[in-house]
Amino acid sequence: MRAIGTAAGFAVRVAGDGDAGRIATLSEQLGYPTDEGAVLERLHAIGQRPDHAVFVAEAKGNVVGWVHVYAVPMLESPAHAEIGGLVVDEAHRGRGIGRALMARAEAWARDMGLGVVRLRSNVIRAEAHAFYEHIGYAQVKTQKVFAKTLEAAK
């Protein structure tokens, strides 16, 4: 597949091991602190799964954004793709990078035979909501997210 965004000064490609540090830094911009080692470990785990993909946007040799997309099989409804995360460097927003990353994730979903892409966005991220609506996404549900931390298996 041809690189997306090359005319705009950036290219979208599959993430690699060397991108872990920048992915970690970008994640922190959205309030998800992590480190290069943890991201590298997760990239390796995701890389073993054909139902997941991570793409990065690169400008002048520097990773300026990333998206994680994965397939979600469902019992009660058809499978769909879900965006696990999307981050564009604060200094590079408004240049089409987010749109290109989402387009690449959508192309991956189509290639996987999935007809819907879903994503979750924190209620405080008004700019992100406007971006998603601008690229054709519609809010279809309001929900609460619950989590329970489990004791690690030994």
C-alpha atoms as a PDB file:
ATOM      1  CA  MET A   1       0.000   0.000   0.000  1.00  0.00           C
ATOM      2  CA  ARG A   2       1.241   3.494  -0.886  1.00  0.00           C
ATOM      3  CA  ALA A   3       2.258   5.642   2.087  1.00  0.00           C
ATOM      4  CA  ILE A   4      -0.469   8.053   3.140  1.00  0.00           C
ATOM      5  CA  GLY A   5       0.310  11.741   3.628  1.00  0.00           C
ATOM      6  CA  THR A   6       3.638  11.825   1.798  1.00  0.00           C
ATOM      7  CA  ALA A   7       2.649  14.945  -0.145  1.00  0.00           C
ATOM      8  CA  ALA A   8       1.907  16.683   3.166  1.00  0.00           C
ATOM      9  CA  GLY A   9       5.389  16.018   4.563  1.00  0.00           C
ATOM     10  CA  PHE A  10       4.662  12.882   6.550  1.00  0.00           C
ATOM     11  CA  ALA A  11       4.131   9.186   5.876  1.00  0.00           C
ATOM     12  CA  VAL A  12       2.048   6.562   7.645  1.00  0.00           C
ATOM     13  CA  ARG A  13       3.636   3.157   8.149  1.00  0.00           C
ATOM     14  CA  VAL A  14       3.480   0.099  10.377  1.00  0.00           C
ATOM     15  CA  ALA A  15       5.018   0.741  13.802  1.00  0.00           C
ATOM     16  CA  GLY A  16       8.311  -0.953  14.616  1.00  0.00           C
ATOM     17  CA  ASP A  17      10.464  -1.579  17.674  1.00  0.00           C
ATOM     18  CA  GLY A  18      12.385   1.654  17.127  1.00  0.00           C
ATOM     19  CA  ASP A  19       9.179   3.658  17.570  1.00  0.00           C
ATOM     20  CA  ALA A  20       8.528   2.568  21.161  1.00  0.00           C
ATOM     21  CA  GLY A  21      10.158   5.600  22.775  1.00  0.00           C
ATOM     22  CA  ARG A  22       8.190   8.139  20.734  1.00  0.00           C
ATOM     23  CA  ILE A  23       4.950   6.184  21.200  1.00  0.00           C
ATOM     24  CA  ALA A  24       5.519   6.351  24.957  1.00  0.00           C
ATOM     25  CA  THR A  25       6.215  10.098  24.840  1.00  0.00           C
ATOM     26  CA  LEU A  26       3.133  10.764  22.729  1.00  0.00           C
ATOM     27  CA  SER A  27       0.979   8.656  25.044  1.00  0.00           C
ATOM     28  CA  GLU A  28       1.995  10.880  27.925  1.00  0.00           C
ATOM     29  CA  GLN A  29       0.622  13.912  26.057  1.00  0.00           C
ATOM     30  CA  LEU A  30      -2.850  12.447  26.560  1.00  0.00           C
ATOM     31  CA  GLY A  31      -2.253  11.569  30.189  1.00  0.00           C
ATOM     32  CA  TYR A  32      -1.274   7.921  29.781  1.00  0.00           C
ATOM     33  CA  PRO A  33       2.183   7.685  31.361  1.00  0.00           C
ATOM     34  CA  THR A  34       4.280   4.756  30.217  1.00  0.00           C
ATOM     35  CA  ASP A  35       7.860   4.072  29.254  1.00  0.00           C
ATOM     36  CA  GLU A  36       9.715   2.798  26.224  1.00  0.00           C
ATOM     37  CA  GLY A  37      10.251  -0.692  27.666  1.00  0.00           C
ATOM     38  CA  ALA A  38       6.571  -1.190  28.418  1.00  0.00           C
ATOM     39  CA  VAL A  39       5.557   0.042  24.970  1.00  0.00           C
ATOM     40  CA  LEU A  40       8.127  -2.219  23.318  1.00  0.00           C
ATOM     41  CA  GLU A  41       6.746  -5.206  25.218  1.00  0.00           C
ATOM     42  CA  ARG A  42       3.197  -4.290  24.148  1.00  0.00           C
ATOM     43  CA  LEU A  43       4.257  -3.765  20.523  1.00  0.00           C
ATOM     44  CA  HIS A  44       5.752  -7.267  20.521  1.00  0.00           C
ATOM     45  CA  ALA A  45       2.564  -8.770  21.976  1.00  0.00           C
ATOM     46  CA  ILE A  46       0.351  -6.882  19.526  1.00  0.00           C
ATOM     47  CA  GLY A  47       2.652  -7.828  16.655  1.00  0.00           C
ATOM     48  CA  GLN A  48       1.904 -11.504  17.328  1.00  0.00           C
ATOM     49  CA  ARG A  49      -1.805 -10.922  16.755  1.00  0.00           C
ATOM     50  CA  PRO A  50      -3.139 -10.650  13.211  1.00  0.00           C
ATOM     51  CA  ASP A  51      -6.304  -9.025  14.566  1.00  0.00           C
ATOM     52  CA  HIS A  52      -4.373  -5.945  15.809  1.00  0.00           C
ATOM     53  CA  ALA A  53      -2.302  -3.284  14.040  1.00  0.00           C
ATOM     54  CA  VAL A  54      -0.323  -0.211  15.071  1.00  0.00           C
ATOM     55  CA  PHE A  55       0.543   2.502  12.583  1.00  0.00           C
ATOM     56  CA  VAL A  56       2.710   5.589  13.053  1.00  0.00           C
ATOM     57  CA  ALA A  57       2.968   8.878  11.201  1.00  0.00           C
ATOM     58  CA  GLU A  58       6.527   9.969  10.572  1.00  0.00           C
ATOM     59  CA  ALA A  59       7.689  13.462   9.585  1.00  0.00           C
ATOM     60  CA  LYS A  60      11.356  14.212   8.901  1.00  0.00           C
ATOM     61  CA  GLY A  61      12.388  10.957  10.576  1.00  0.00           C
ATOM     62  CA  ASN A  62      10.394  11.638  13.742  1.00  0.00           C
ATOM     63  CA  VAL A  63       7.246   9.790  14.839  1.00  0.00           C
ATOM     64  CA  VAL A  64       4.558  12.450  15.292  1.00  0.00           C
ATOM     65  CA  GLY A  65       1.499  10.252  15.805  1.00  0.00           C
ATOM     66  CA  TRP A  66       0.212   6.724  16.228  1.00  0.00           C
ATOM     67  CA  VAL A  67      -2.993   4.707  16.050  1.00  0.00           C
ATOM     68  CA  HIS A  68      -3.805   1.239  17.383  1.00  0.00           C
ATOM     69  CA  VAL A  69      -6.703  -0.608  15.757  1.00  0.00           C
ATOM     70  CA  TYR A  70      -8.009  -4.080  16.486  1.00  0.00           C
ATOM     71  CA  ALA A  71     -10.845  -6.434  15.576  1.00  0.00           C
ATOM     72  CA  VAL A  72     -13.575  -7.084  18.122  1.00  0.00           C
ATOM     73  CA  PRO A  73     -15.606 -10.266  17.580  1.00  0.00           C
ATOM     74  CA  MET A  74     -18.991 -10.029  19.232  1.00  0.00           C
ATOM     75  CA  LEU A  75     -21.603 -12.617  20.113  1.00  0.00           C
ATOM     76  CA  GLU A  76     -24.617 -10.322  19.929  1.00  0.00           C
ATOM     77  CA  SER A  77     -23.605  -8.276  16.874  1.00  0.00           C
ATOM     78  CA  PRO A  78     -21.247  -8.375  13.898  1.00  0.00           C
ATOM     79  CA  ALA A  79     -17.538  -7.962  14.529  1.00  0.00           C
ATOM     80  CA  HIS A  80     -16.158  -4.458  14.258  1.00  0.00           C
ATOM     81  CA  ALA A  81     -12.845  -2.626  14.475  1.00  0.00           C
ATOM     82  CA  GLU A  82     -12.027  -0.554  17.532  1.00  0.00           C
ATOM     83  CA  ILE A  83      -9.496   2.230  17.868  1.00  0.00           C
ATOM     84  CA  GLY A  84      -7.461   1.452  20.966  1.00  0.00           C
ATOM     85  CA  GLY A  85      -5.693   4.787  20.861  1.00  0.00           C
ATOM     86  CA  LEU A  86      -4.887   7.715  18.606  1.00  0.00           C
ATOM     87  CA  VAL A  87      -2.342  10.394  19.423  1.00  0.00           C
ATOM     88  CA  VAL A  88      -0.889  13.187  17.311  1.00  0.00           C
ATOM     89  CA  ASP A  89       1.931  15.278  18.732  1.00  0.00           C
ATOM     90  CA  GLU A  90       0.592  18.587  20.042  1.00  0.00           C
ATOM     91  CA  ALA A  91       3.063  20.471  17.836  1.00  0.00           C
ATOM     92  CA  HIS A  92       1.833  18.694  14.684  1.00  0.00           C
ATOM     93  CA  ARG A  93      -1.944  18.816  15.070  1.00  0.00           C
ATOM     94  CA  GLY A  94      -4.073  20.358  12.356  1.00  0.00           C
ATOM     95  CA  ARG A  95      -1.864  19.079   9.509  1.00  0.00           C
ATOM     96  CA  GLY A  96      -3.923  16.047   8.455  1.00  0.00           C
ATOM     97  CA  ILE A  97      -1.900  13.523  10.440  1.00  0.00           C
ATOM     98  CA  GLY A  98      -4.815  12.322  12.570  1.00  0.00           C
ATOM     99  CA  ARG A  99      -6.998  12.035   9.485  1.00  0.00           C
ATOM    100  CA  ALA A 100      -4.295  10.002   7.698  1.00  0.00           C
ATOM    101  CA  LEU A 101      -3.802   7.688  10.674  1.00  0.00           C
ATOM    102  CA  MET A 102      -7.546   7.105  10.919  1.00  0.00           C
ATOM    103  CA  ALA A 103      -7.746   6.493   7.160  1.00  0.00           C
ATOM    104  CA  ARG A 104      -5.021   3.851   7.495  1.00  0.00           C
ATOM    105  CA  ALA A 105      -6.853   2.210  10.422  1.00  0.00           C
ATOM    106  CA  GLU A 106     -10.081   2.225   8.392  1.00  0.00           C
ATOM    107  CA  ALA A 107      -8.290   0.645   5.406  1.00  0.00           C
ATOM    108  CA  TRP A 108      -6.947  -2.073   7.709  1.00  0.00           C
ATOM    109  CA  ALA A 109     -10.474  -2.683   9.034  1.00  0.00           C
ATOM    110  CA  ARG A 110     -11.851  -3.001   5.486  1.00  0.00           C
ATOM    111  CA  ASP A 111      -9.028  -5.410   4.614  1.00  0.00           C
ATOM    112  CA  MET A 112     -10.037  -7.482   7.660  1.00  0.00           C
ATOM    113  CA  GLY A 113     -13.637  -7.605   6.395  1.00  0.00           C
ATOM    114  CA  LEU A 114     -14.944  -5.319   9.130  1.00  0.00           C
ATOM    115  CA  GLY A 115     -17.666  -2.847   8.196  1.00  0.00           C
ATOM    116  CA  VAL A 116     -17.629  -0.566  11.252  1.00  0.00           C
ATOM    117  CA  VAL A 117     -14.917   1.271  13.181  1.00  0.00           C
ATOM    118  CA  ARG A 118     -15.708   2.343  16.732  1.00  0.00           C
ATOM    119  CA  LEU A 119     -13.759   4.382  19.232  1.00  0.00           C
ATOM    120  CA  ARG A 120     -14.104   5.709  22.741  1.00  0.00           C
ATOM    121  CA  SER A 121     -13.147   9.226  23.734  1.00  0.00           C
ATOM    122  CA  ASN A 122     -13.079  10.771  27.194  1.00  0.00           C
ATOM    123  CA  VAL A 123     -15.926  13.234  27.751  1.00  0.00           C
ATOM    124  CA  ILE A 124     -13.418  16.019  28.483  1.00  0.00           C
ATOM    125  CA  ARG A 125     -11.785  15.826  25.025  1.00  0.00           C
ATOM    126  CA  ALA A 126     -14.038  18.252  23.145  1.00  0.00           C
ATOM    127  CA  GLU A 127     -11.432  18.931  20.427  1.00  0.00           C
ATOM    128  CA  ALA A 128     -11.093  15.203  19.758  1.00  0.00           C
ATOM    129  CA  HIS A 129     -14.876  14.853  19.532  1.00  0.00           C
ATOM    130  CA  ALA A 130     -15.032  17.654  16.957  1.00  0.00           C
ATOM    131  CA  PHE A 131     -12.219  15.986  14.987  1.00  0.00           C
ATOM    132  CA  TYR A 132     -13.980  12.608  14.925  1.00  0.00           C
ATOM    133  CA  GLU A 133     -17.261  14.193  13.818  1.00  0.00           C
ATOM    134  CA  HIS A 134     -15.391  16.155  11.128  1.00  0.00           C
ATOM    135  CA  ILE A 135     -14.014  12.919   9.627  1.00  0.00           C
ATOM    136  CA  GLY A 136     -17.419  11.234   9.576  1.00  0.00           C
ATOM    137  CA  TYR A 137     -17.847   9.564  12.953  1.00  0.00           C
ATOM    138  CA  ALA A 138     -21.097   9.928  14.875  1.00  0.00           C
ATOM    139  CA  GLN A 139     -21.704   9.557  18.566  1.00  0.00           C
ATOM    140  CA  VAL A 140     -23.899   6.486  18.962  1.00  0.00           C
ATOM    141  CA  LYS A 141     -23.843   5.880  22.700  1.00  0.00           C
ATOM    142  CA  THR A 142     -23.113   7.431  26.061  1.00  0.00           C
ATOM    143  CA  GLN A 143     -21.882   4.974  28.631  1.00  0.00           C
ATOM    144  CA  LYS A 144     -19.844   4.528  31.760  1.00  0.00           C
ATOM    145  CA  VAL A 145     -16.701   2.452  31.713  1.00  0.00           C
ATOM    146  CA  PHE A 146     -16.093   0.166  34.685  1.00  0.00           C
ATOM    147  CA  ALA A 147     -12.824  -1.543  35.560  1.00  0.00           C
ATOM    148  CA  LYS A 148     -11.617  -3.875  38.255  1.00  0.00           C
ATOM    149  CA  THR A 149      -7.960  -4.444  39.005  1.00  0.00           C
ATOM    150  CA  LEU A 150      -7.267  -8.149  39.408  1.00  0.00           C
ATOM    151  CA  GLU A 151      -4.585  -9.685  41.523  1.00  0.00           C
ATOM    152  CA  ALA A 152      -1.803 -10.918  39.267  1.00  0.00           C
ATOM    153  CA  ALA A 153      -1.748 -14.669  38.652  1.00  0.00           C
ATOM    154  CA  LYS A 154       1.259 -16.446  40.125  1.00  0.00           C
END
